[in-house]
Amino acid sequence: DEIDLHLHPKWQREIISYLSEAFPNVQFIVTTHSPLVVQSAN
């Protein structure tokens, strides 16, 4: 819930790619208010 909570904007932009690499077979289901999180995913 609110994966962007307390994160700096630069960190918000990178969080999806870092977690995807660290946990490649996890299905992440998250909420956010951050457009940077949305922008960061391919």
All heavy atoms as atom14 arrays in JSON, in Angstrom:
{
  "sequence": "DEIDLHLHPKWQREIISYLSEAFPNVQFIVTTHSPLVVQSAN",
  "atom14_mask": [
    [1, 1, 1, 1, 1, 1, 1, 1, 0, 0, 0, 0, 0, 0],
    [1, 1, 1, 1, 1, 1, 1, 1, 1, 0, 0, 0, 0, 0],
    [1, 1, 1, 1, 1, 1, 1, 1, 0, 0, 0, 0, 0, 0],
    [1, 1, 1, 1, 1, 1, 1, 1, 0, 0, 0, 0, 0, 0],
    [1, 1, 1, 1, 1, 1, 1, 1, 0, 0, 0, 0, 0, 0],
    [1, 1, 1, 1, 1, 1, 1, 1, 1, 1, 0, 0, 0, 0],
    [1, 1, 1, 1, 1, 1, 1, 1, 0, 0, 0, 0, 0, 0],
    [1, 1, 1, 1, 1, 1, 1, 1, 1, 1, 0, 0, 0, 0],
    [1, 1, 1, 1, 1, 1, 1, 0, 0, 0, 0, 0, 0, 0],
    [1, 1, 1, 1, 1, 1, 1, 1, 1, 0, 0, 0, 0, 0],
    [1, 1, 1, 1, 1, 1, 1, 1, 1, 1, 1, 1, 1, 1],
    [1, 1, 1, 1, 1, 1, 1, 1, 1, 0, 0, 0, 0, 0],
    [1, 1, 1, 1, 1, 1, 1, 1, 1, 1, 1, 0, 0, 0],
    [1, 1, 1, 1, 1, 1, 1, 1, 1, 0, 0, 0, 0, 0],
    [1, 1, 1, 1, 1, 1, 1, 1, 0, 0, 0, 0, 0, 0],
    [1, 1, 1, 1, 1, 1, 1, 1, 0, 0, 0, 0, 0, 0],
    [1, 1, 1, 1, 1, 1, 0, 0, 0, 0, 0, 0, 0, 0],
    [1, 1, 1, 1, 1, 1, 1, 1, 1, 1, 1, 1, 0, 0],
    [1, 1, 1, 1, 1, 1, 1, 1, 0, 0, 0, 0, 0, 0],
    [1, 1, 1, 1, 1, 1, 0, 0, 0, 0, 0, 0, 0, 0],
    [1, 1, 1, 1, 1, 1, 1, 1, 1, 0, 0, 0, 0, 0],
    [1, 1, 1, 1, 1, 0, 0, 0, 0, 0, 0, 0, 0, 0],
    [1, 1, 1, 1, 1, 1, 1, 1, 1, 1, 1, 0, 0, 0],
    [1, 1, 1, 1, 1, 1, 1, 0, 0, 0, 0, 0, 0, 0],
    [1, 1, 1, 1, 1, 1, 1, 1, 0, 0, 0, 0, 0, 0],
    [1, 1, 1, 1, 1, 1, 1, 0, 0, 0, 0, 0, 0, 0],
    [1, 1, 1, 1, 1, 1, 1, 1, 1, 0, 0, 0, 0, 0],
    [1, 1, 1, 1, 1, 1, 1, 1, 1, 1, 1, 0, 0, 0],
    [1, 1, 1, 1, 1, 1, 1, 1, 0, 0, 0, 0, 0, 0],
    [1, 1, 1, 1, 1, 1, 1, 0, 0, 0, 0, 0, 0, 0],
    [1, 1, 1, 1, 1, 1, 1, 0, 0, 0, 0, 0, 0, 0],
    [1, 1, 1, 1, 1, 1, 1, 0, 0, 0, 0, 0, 0, 0],
    [1, 1, 1, 1, 1, 1, 1, 1, 1, 1, 0, 0, 0, 0],
    [1, 1, 1, 1, 1, 1, 0, 0, 0, 0, 0, 0, 0, 0],
    [1, 1, 1, 1, 1, 1, 1, 0, 0, 0, 0, 0, 0, 0],
    [1, 1, 1, 1, 1, 1, 1, 1, 0, 0, 0, 0, 0, 0],
    [1, 1, 1, 1, 1, 1, 1, 0, 0, 0, 0, 0, 0, 0],
    [1, 1, 1, 1, 1, 1, 1, 0, 0, 0, 0, 0, 0, 0],
    [1, 1, 1, 1, 1, 1, 1, 1, 1, 0, 0, 0, 0, 0],
    [1, 1, 1, 1, 1, 1, 0, 0, 0, 0, 0, 0, 0, 0],
    [1, 1, 1, 1, 1, 0, 0, 0, 0, 0, 0, 0, 0, 0],
    [1, 1, 1, 1, 1, 1, 1, 1, 0, 0, 0, 0, 0, 0]
  ],
  "atom14_positions": [
    [[0.85, -1.19, 0.0], [0.0, 0.0, 0.0], [0.88, 1.25, 0.0], [1.78, 1.38, 0.84], [-0.91, -0.02, 1.23], [-2.11, 0.9, 1.1], [-2.35, 1.4, -0.01], [-2.81, 1.11, 2.11], [0.0, 0.0, 0.0], [0.0, 0.0, 0.0], [0.0, 0.0, 0.0], [0.0, 0.0, 0.0], [0.0, 0.0, 0.0], [0.0, 0.0, 0.0]],
    [[0.64, 2.14, -0.96], [1.42, 3.38, -1.1], [2.92, 3.07, -1.16], [3.69, 3.45, -0.28], [1.09, 4.37, 0.02], [-0.35, 4.84, -0.01], [-0.63, 5.99, 0.94], [0.33, 6.7, 1.31], [-1.79, 6.18, 1.32], [0.0, 0.0, 0.0], [0.0, 0.0, 0.0], [0.0, 0.0, 0.0], [0.0, 0.0, 0.0], [0.0, 0.0, 0.0]],
    [[3.31, 2.41, -2.22], [4.71, 1.98, -2.36], [5.66, 3.17, -2.41], [6.85, 3.04, -2.11], [4.87, 1.1, -3.62], [6.21, 0.37, -3.59], [4.67, 1.91, -4.9], [6.34, -0.72, -4.61], [0.0, 0.0, 0.0], [0.0, 0.0, 0.0], [0.0, 0.0, 0.0], [0.0, 0.0, 0.0], [0.0, 0.0, 0.0], [0.0, 0.0, 0.0]],
    [[5.15, 4.35, -2.75], [5.99, 5.55, -2.84], [6.16, 6.26, -1.51], [6.85, 7.28, -1.43], [5.37, 6.54, -3.83], [3.91, 6.84, -3.52], [3.08, 5.91, -3.53], [3.57, 8.0, -3.23], [0.0, 0.0, 0.0], [0.0, 0.0, 0.0], [0.0, 0.0, 0.0], [0.0, 0.0, 0.0], [0.0, 0.0, 0.0], [0.0, 0.0, 0.0]],
    [[5.58, 5.72, -0.43], [5.56, 6.41, 0.86], [6.96, 6.75, 1.35], [7.83, 5.88, 1.43], [4.86, 5.52, 1.89], [4.52, 6.14, 3.23], [3.46, 7.23, 3.06], [4.03, 5.07, 4.21], [0.0, 0.0, 0.0], [0.0, 0.0, 0.0], [0.0, 0.0, 0.0], [0.0, 0.0, 0.0], [0.0, 0.0, 0.0], [0.0, 0.0, 0.0]],
    [[7.19, 8.02, 1.67], [8.45, 8.55, 2.23], [9.62, 8.52, 1.24], [10.76, 8.81, 1.65], [8.87, 7.79, 3.5], [7.89, 7.87, 4.62], [7.34, 9.04, 5.07], [7.34, 6.89, 5.39], [6.51, 8.8, 6.06], [6.48, 7.51, 6.27], [0.0, 0.0, 0.0], [0.0, 0.0, 0.0], [0.0, 0.0, 0.0], [0.0, 0.0, 0.0]],
    [[9.39, 8.17, -0.02], [10.51, 8.03, -0.96], [10.76, 9.33, -1.73], [9.82, 9.99, -2.18], [10.25, 6.9, -1.95], [10.06, 5.5, -1.38], [9.97, 4.48, -2.5], [11.17, 5.14, -0.4], [0.0, 0.0, 0.0], [0.0, 0.0, 0.0], [0.0, 0.0, 0.0], [0.0, 0.0, 0.0], [0.0, 0.0, 0.0], [0.0, 0.0, 0.0]],
    [[12.04, 9.66, -1.89], [12.45, 10.8, -2.7], [11.97, 10.57, -4.14], [11.91, 9.44, -4.61], [13.98, 10.91, -2.64], [14.54, 12.07, -3.39], [14.78, 12.04, -4.75], [14.92, 13.31, -2.97], [15.28, 13.2, -5.13], [15.37, 13.99, -4.08], [0.0, 0.0, 0.0], [0.0, 0.0, 0.0], [0.0, 0.0, 0.0], [0.0, 0.0, 0.0]],
    [[11.63, 11.64, -4.9], [11.16, 11.46, -6.29], [12.08, 10.6, -7.15], [11.6, 9.79, -7.95], [11.09, 12.9, -6.82], [10.76, 13.71, -5.61], [11.5, 13.05, -4.47], [0.0, 0.0, 0.0], [0.0, 0.0, 0.0], [0.0, 0.0, 0.0], [0.0, 0.0, 0.0], [0.0, 0.0, 0.0], [0.0, 0.0, 0.0], [0.0, 0.0, 0.0]],
    [[13.4, 10.73, -7.01], [14.31, 9.91, -7.81], [14.15, 8.43, -7.46], [14.18, 7.56, -8.33], [15.76, 10.36, -7.57], [16.79, 9.65, -8.46], [18.17, 10.24, -8.25], [19.18, 9.65, -9.21], [19.41, 8.2, -9.01], [0.0, 0.0, 0.0], [0.0, 0.0, 0.0], [0.0, 0.0, 0.0], [0.0, 0.0, 0.0], [0.0, 0.0, 0.0]],
    [[13.96, 8.14, -6.18], [13.77, 6.77, -5.73], [12.43, 6.23, -6.23], [12.32, 5.06, -6.62], [13.83, 6.72, -4.21], [14.29, 5.42, -3.63], [14.51, 4.24, -4.3], [14.61, 5.15, -2.27], [14.93, 3.27, -3.45], [15.01, 3.8, -2.18], [14.59, 5.92, -1.11], [15.37, 3.2, -0.97], [14.96, 5.33, 0.09], [15.35, 3.99, 0.15]],
    [[11.39, 7.08, -6.23], [10.09, 6.66, -6.75], [10.21, 6.23, -8.21], [9.56, 5.28, -8.64], [9.09, 7.81, -6.64], [8.71, 8.19, -5.23], [7.76, 9.37, -5.19], [7.01, 9.6, -6.13], [7.81, 10.14, -4.11], [0.0, 0.0, 0.0], [0.0, 0.0, 0.0], [0.0, 0.0, 0.0], [0.0, 0.0, 0.0], [0.0, 0.0, 0.0]],
    [[11.04, 6.92, -8.96], [11.19, 6.64, -10.38], [11.95, 5.34, -10.62], [11.81, 4.73, -11.69], [11.9, 7.82, -11.05], [12.08, 7.68, -12.55], [12.61, 8.95, -13.15], [11.54, 9.89, -13.43], [11.71, 11.21, -13.54], [12.89, 11.73, -13.36], [10.69, 11.99, -13.82], [0.0, 0.0, 0.0], [0.0, 0.0, 0.0], [0.0, 0.0, 0.0]],
    [[12.72, 4.88, -9.65], [13.57, 3.71, -9.85], [13.08, 2.46, -9.13], [13.58, 1.36, -9.38], [15.0, 4.05, -9.39], [15.65, 5.16, -10.2], [16.93, 5.69, -9.56], [17.11, 5.46, -8.34], [17.73, 6.32, -10.27], [0.0, 0.0, 0.0], [0.0, 0.0, 0.0], [0.0, 0.0, 0.0], [0.0, 0.0, 0.0], [0.0, 0.0, 0.0]],
    [[12.1, 2.62, -8.24], [11.72, 1.53, -7.35], [11.22, 0.3, -8.1], [11.54, -0.84, -7.75], [10.66, 2.01, -6.31], [10.4, 0.94, -5.27], [9.38, 2.44, -6.98], [11.53, 0.68, -4.35], [0.0, 0.0, 0.0], [0.0, 0.0, 0.0], [0.0, 0.0, 0.0], [0.0, 0.0, 0.0], [0.0, 0.0, 0.0], [0.0, 0.0, 0.0]],
    [[10.44, 0.48, -9.17], [9.89, -0.66, -9.91], [11.0, -1.48, -10.56], [11.01, -2.71, -10.47], [8.85, -0.19, -10.94], [7.53, 0.12, -10.23], [8.63, -1.25, -12.02], [6.39, 0.49, -11.17], [0.0, 0.0, 0.0], [0.0, 0.0, 0.0], [0.0, 0.0, 0.0], [0.0, 0.0, 0.0], [0.0, 0.0, 0.0], [0.0, 0.0, 0.0]],
    [[11.93, -0.82, -11.22], [13.0, -1.57, -11.91], [13.89, -2.3, -10.9], [14.29, -3.45, -11.15], [13.84, -0.63, -12.78], [14.5, 0.34, -11.98], [0.0, 0.0, 0.0], [0.0, 0.0, 0.0], [0.0, 0.0, 0.0], [0.0, 0.0, 0.0], [0.0, 0.0, 0.0], [0.0, 0.0, 0.0], [0.0, 0.0, 0.0], [0.0, 0.0, 0.0]],
    [[14.18, -1.69, -9.75], [15.03, -2.34, -8.76], [14.35, -3.56, -8.15], [14.97, -4.62, -7.98], [15.42, -1.35, -7.66], [16.35, -0.24, -8.11], [16.45, 0.94, -7.38], [17.14, -0.38, -9.25], [17.31, 1.96, -7.79], [17.99, 0.63, -9.66], [18.07, 1.8, -8.93], [18.91, 2.79, -9.33], [0.0, 0.0, 0.0], [0.0, 0.0, 0.0]],
    [[13.07, -3.43, -7.81], [12.35, -4.56, -7.22], [12.13, -5.67, -8.24], [12.16, -6.85, -7.9], [11.02, -4.09, -6.64], [11.1, -3.25, -5.36], [9.73, -2.72, -4.98], [11.68, -4.06, -4.21], [0.0, 0.0, 0.0], [0.0, 0.0, 0.0], [0.0, 0.0, 0.0], [0.0, 0.0, 0.0], [0.0, 0.0, 0.0], [0.0, 0.0, 0.0]],
    [[11.92, -5.32, -9.49], [11.75, -6.32, -10.55], [13.0, -7.16, -10.69], [12.93, -8.38, -10.91], [11.42, -5.64, -11.89], [10.22, -4.92, -11.81], [0.0, 0.0, 0.0], [0.0, 0.0, 0.0], [0.0, 0.0, 0.0], [0.0, 0.0, 0.0], [0.0, 0.0, 0.0], [0.0, 0.0, 0.0], [0.0, 0.0, 0.0], [0.0, 0.0, 0.0]],
    [[14.14, -6.52, -10.57], [15.42, -7.23, -10.68], [15.68, -8.09, -9.45], [16.16, -9.23, -9.57], [16.55, -6.22, -10.87], [17.93, -6.85, -11.04], [19.03, -5.82, -11.21], [18.72, -4.61, -11.31], [20.21, -6.22, -11.23], [0.0, 0.0, 0.0], [0.0, 0.0, 0.0], [0.0, 0.0, 0.0], [0.0, 0.0, 0.0], [0.0, 0.0, 0.0]],
    [[15.35, -7.58, -8.27], [15.63, -8.3, -7.03], [14.7, -9.48, -6.83], [15.1, -10.52, -6.29], [15.53, -7.35, -5.84], [0.0, 0.0, 0.0], [0.0, 0.0, 0.0], [0.0, 0.0, 0.0], [0.0, 0.0, 0.0], [0.0, 0.0, 0.0], [0.0, 0.0, 0.0], [0.0, 0.0, 0.0], [0.0, 0.0, 0.0], [0.0, 0.0, 0.0]],
    [[13.43, -9.34, -7.25], [12.42, -10.39, -7.06], [11.76, -10.7, -8.41], [10.6, -10.32, -8.65], [11.37, -9.93, -6.04], [11.93, -9.54, -4.71], [12.21, -8.21, -4.42], [12.19, -10.49, -3.73], [12.73, -7.83, -3.19], [12.71, -10.14, -2.5], [12.98, -8.8, -2.22], [0.0, 0.0, 0.0], [0.0, 0.0, 0.0], [0.0, 0.0, 0.0]],
    [[12.47, -11.39, -9.3], [12.0, -11.52, -10.69], [10.73, -12.33, -10.87], [10.06, -12.18, -11.9], [13.19, -12.21, -11.39], [13.93, -12.92, -10.29], [13.77, -12.04, -9.09], [0.0, 0.0, 0.0], [0.0, 0.0, 0.0], [0.0, 0.0, 0.0], [0.0, 0.0, 0.0], [0.0, 0.0, 0.0], [0.0, 0.0, 0.0], [0.0, 0.0, 0.0]],
    [[10.36, -13.17, -9.91], [9.18, -14.01, -10.06], [8.04, -13.62, -9.12], [7.09, -14.39, -8.94], [9.55, -15.48, -9.85], [10.49, -15.98, -10.94], [10.22, -15.81, -12.12], [11.62, -16.55, -10.54], [0.0, 0.0, 0.0], [0.0, 0.0, 0.0], [0.0, 0.0, 0.0], [0.0, 0.0, 0.0], [0.0, 0.0, 0.0], [0.0, 0.0, 0.0]],
    [[8.15, -12.45, -8.53], [7.09, -11.96, -7.65], [6.07, -11.18, -8.46], [6.43, -10.39, -9.34], [7.69, -11.08, -6.53], [6.61, -10.21, -5.88], [8.35, -11.95, -5.48], [0.0, 0.0, 0.0], [0.0, 0.0, 0.0], [0.0, 0.0, 0.0], [0.0, 0.0, 0.0], [0.0, 0.0, 0.0], [0.0, 0.0, 0.0], [0.0, 0.0, 0.0]],
    [[4.81, -11.41, -8.18], [3.72, -10.6, -8.73], [3.44, -9.47, -7.75], [2.93, -9.69, -6.66], [2.46, -11.44, -8.95], [1.28, -10.65, -9.49], [0.01, -11.49, -9.62], [-0.04, -12.64, -9.17], [-1.03, -10.92, -10.21], [0.0, 0.0, 0.0], [0.0, 0.0, 0.0], [0.0, 0.0, 0.0], [0.0, 0.0, 0.0], [0.0, 0.0, 0.0]],
    [[3.79, -8.25, -8.13], [3.58, -7.08, -7.27], [2.23, -6.45, -7.6], [1.92, -6.16, -8.76], [4.68, -6.04, -7.46], [6.0, -6.41, -6.85], [7.0, -6.98, -7.62], [6.24, -6.2, -5.5], [8.23, -7.32, -7.06], [7.46, -6.53, -4.93], [8.45, -7.1, -5.71], [0.0, 0.0, 0.0], [0.0, 0.0, 0.0], [0.0, 0.0, 0.0]],
    [[1.43, -6.23, -6.56], [0.15, -5.53, -6.69], [0.2, -4.39, -5.69], [0.22, -4.62, -4.47], [-1.04, -6.47, -6.42], [-1.0, -7.66, -7.39], [-2.35, -5.72, -6.56], [-2.04, -8.73, -7.09], [0.0, 0.0, 0.0], [0.0, 0.0, 0.0], [0.0, 0.0, 0.0], [0.0, 0.0, 0.0], [0.0, 0.0, 0.0], [0.0, 0.0, 0.0]],
    [[0.24, -3.15, -6.17], [0.54, -2.02, -5.3], [-0.42, -0.86, -5.56], [-1.07, -0.78, -6.6], [2.0, -1.54, -5.48], [2.98, -2.69, -5.31], [2.21, -0.87, -6.84], [0.0, 0.0, 0.0], [0.0, 0.0, 0.0], [0.0, 0.0, 0.0], [0.0, 0.0, 0.0], [0.0, 0.0, 0.0], [0.0, 0.0, 0.0], [0.0, 0.0, 0.0]],
    [[-0.46, 0.05, -4.59], [-1.17, 1.32, -4.77], [-0.15, 2.45, -4.73], [0.93, 2.32, -4.15], [-2.23, 1.55, -3.68], [-1.58, 1.86, -2.44], [-3.11, 0.31, -3.51], [0.0, 0.0, 0.0], [0.0, 0.0, 0.0], [0.0, 0.0, 0.0], [0.0, 0.0, 0.0], [0.0, 0.0, 0.0], [0.0, 0.0, 0.0], [0.0, 0.0, 0.0]],
    [[-0.52, 3.58, -5.33], [0.38, 4.73, -5.31], [-0.41, 6.0, -5.6], [-1.51, 5.96, -6.15], [1.51, 4.58, -6.35], [2.45, 5.64, -6.19], [0.98, 4.61, -7.77], [0.0, 0.0, 0.0], [0.0, 0.0, 0.0], [0.0, 0.0, 0.0], [0.0, 0.0, 0.0], [0.0, 0.0, 0.0], [0.0, 0.0, 0.0], [0.0, 0.0, 0.0]],
    [[0.18, 7.13, -5.22], [-0.31, 8.45, -5.64], [0.71, 9.12, -6.55], [0.52, 10.26, -6.94], [-0.55, 9.35, -4.42], [-1.68, 8.91, -3.54], [-1.49, 8.37, -2.3], [-3.01, 8.92, -3.74], [-2.66, 8.07, -1.76], [-3.6, 8.4, -2.61], [0.0, 0.0, 0.0], [0.0, 0.0, 0.0], [0.0, 0.0, 0.0], [0.0, 0.0, 0.0]],
    [[1.78, 8.42, -6.89], [2.91, 9.04, -7.55], [2.9, 8.81, -9.07], [2.97, 7.67, -9.53], [4.22, 8.49, -6.98], [5.32, 8.93, -7.75], [0.0, 0.0, 0.0], [0.0, 0.0, 0.0], [0.0, 0.0, 0.0], [0.0, 0.0, 0.0], [0.0, 0.0, 0.0], [0.0, 0.0, 0.0], [0.0, 0.0, 0.0], [0.0, 0.0, 0.0]],
    [[2.87, 9.88, -9.86], [3.01, 9.72, -11.32], [4.39, 9.22, -11.71], [4.56, 8.64, -12.78], [2.76, 11.13, -11.85], [3.09, 12.04, -10.71], [2.71, 11.3, -9.47], [0.0, 0.0, 0.0], [0.0, 0.0, 0.0], [0.0, 0.0, 0.0], [0.0, 0.0, 0.0], [0.0, 0.0, 0.0], [0.0, 0.0, 0.0], [0.0, 0.0, 0.0]],
    [[5.39, 9.43, -10.84], [6.75, 8.96, -11.14], [6.81, 7.44, -11.14], [7.55, 6.84, -11.92], [7.74, 9.54, -10.14], [7.93, 11.06, -10.2], [8.77, 11.54, -9.03], [8.56, 11.47, -11.51], [0.0, 0.0, 0.0], [0.0, 0.0, 0.0], [0.0, 0.0, 0.0], [0.0, 0.0, 0.0], [0.0, 0.0, 0.0], [0.0, 0.0, 0.0]],
    [[6.06, 6.79, -10.25], [6.0, 5.33, -10.24], [5.39, 4.83, -11.54], [5.88, 3.88, -12.16], [5.19, 4.83, -9.02], [4.93, 3.33, -9.12], [5.92, 5.15, -7.72], [0.0, 0.0, 0.0], [0.0, 0.0, 0.0], [0.0, 0.0, 0.0], [0.0, 0.0, 0.0], [0.0, 0.0, 0.0], [0.0, 0.0, 0.0], [0.0, 0.0, 0.0]],
    [[4.3, 5.48, -11.98], [3.65, 5.09, -13.23], [4.6, 5.31, -14.41], [4.7, 4.47, -15.31], [2.36, 5.91, -13.42], [1.72, 5.62, -14.78], [1.38, 5.61, -12.3], [0.0, 0.0, 0.0], [0.0, 0.0, 0.0], [0.0, 0.0, 0.0], [0.0, 0.0, 0.0], [0.0, 0.0, 0.0], [0.0, 0.0, 0.0], [0.0, 0.0, 0.0]],
    [[5.3, 6.41, -14.41], [6.19, 6.76, -15.51], [7.37, 5.81, -15.65], [7.91, 5.61, -16.74], [6.7, 8.19, -15.3], [7.53, 8.76, -16.43], [8.21, 10.06, -16.01], [8.91, 10.11, -14.99], [8.0, 11.12, -16.78], [0.0, 0.0, 0.0], [0.0, 0.0, 0.0], [0.0, 0.0, 0.0], [0.0, 0.0, 0.0], [0.0, 0.0, 0.0]],
    [[7.76, 5.19, -14.55], [9.02, 4.44, -14.53], [8.93, 3.05, -15.13], [9.94, 2.45, -15.47], [9.53, 4.32, -13.08], [8.66, 3.48, -12.32], [0.0, 0.0, 0.0], [0.0, 0.0, 0.0], [0.0, 0.0, 0.0], [0.0, 0.0, 0.0], [0.0, 0.0, 0.0], [0.0, 0.0, 0.0], [0.0, 0.0, 0.0], [0.0, 0.0, 0.0]],
    [[7.72, 2.5, -15.27], [7.59, 1.1, -15.67], [7.5, 0.96, -17.19], [6.8, 1.71, -17.86], [6.36, 0.48, -15.03], [0.0, 0.0, 0.0], [0.0, 0.0, 0.0], [0.0, 0.0, 0.0], [0.0, 0.0, 0.0], [0.0, 0.0, 0.0], [0.0, 0.0, 0.0], [0.0, 0.0, 0.0], [0.0, 0.0, 0.0], [0.0, 0.0, 0.0]],
    [[8.21, -0.04, -17.72], [8.12, -0.34, -19.15], [6.85, -1.11, -19.49], [6.34, -1.04, -20.59], [9.34, -1.14, -19.6], [10.62, -0.32, -19.55], [10.59, 0.87, -19.85], [11.72, -0.94, -19.16], [0.0, 0.0, 0.0], [0.0, 0.0, 0.0], [0.0, 0.0, 0.0], [0.0, 0.0, 0.0], [0.0, 0.0, 0.0], [0.0, 0.0, 0.0]]
  ]
}
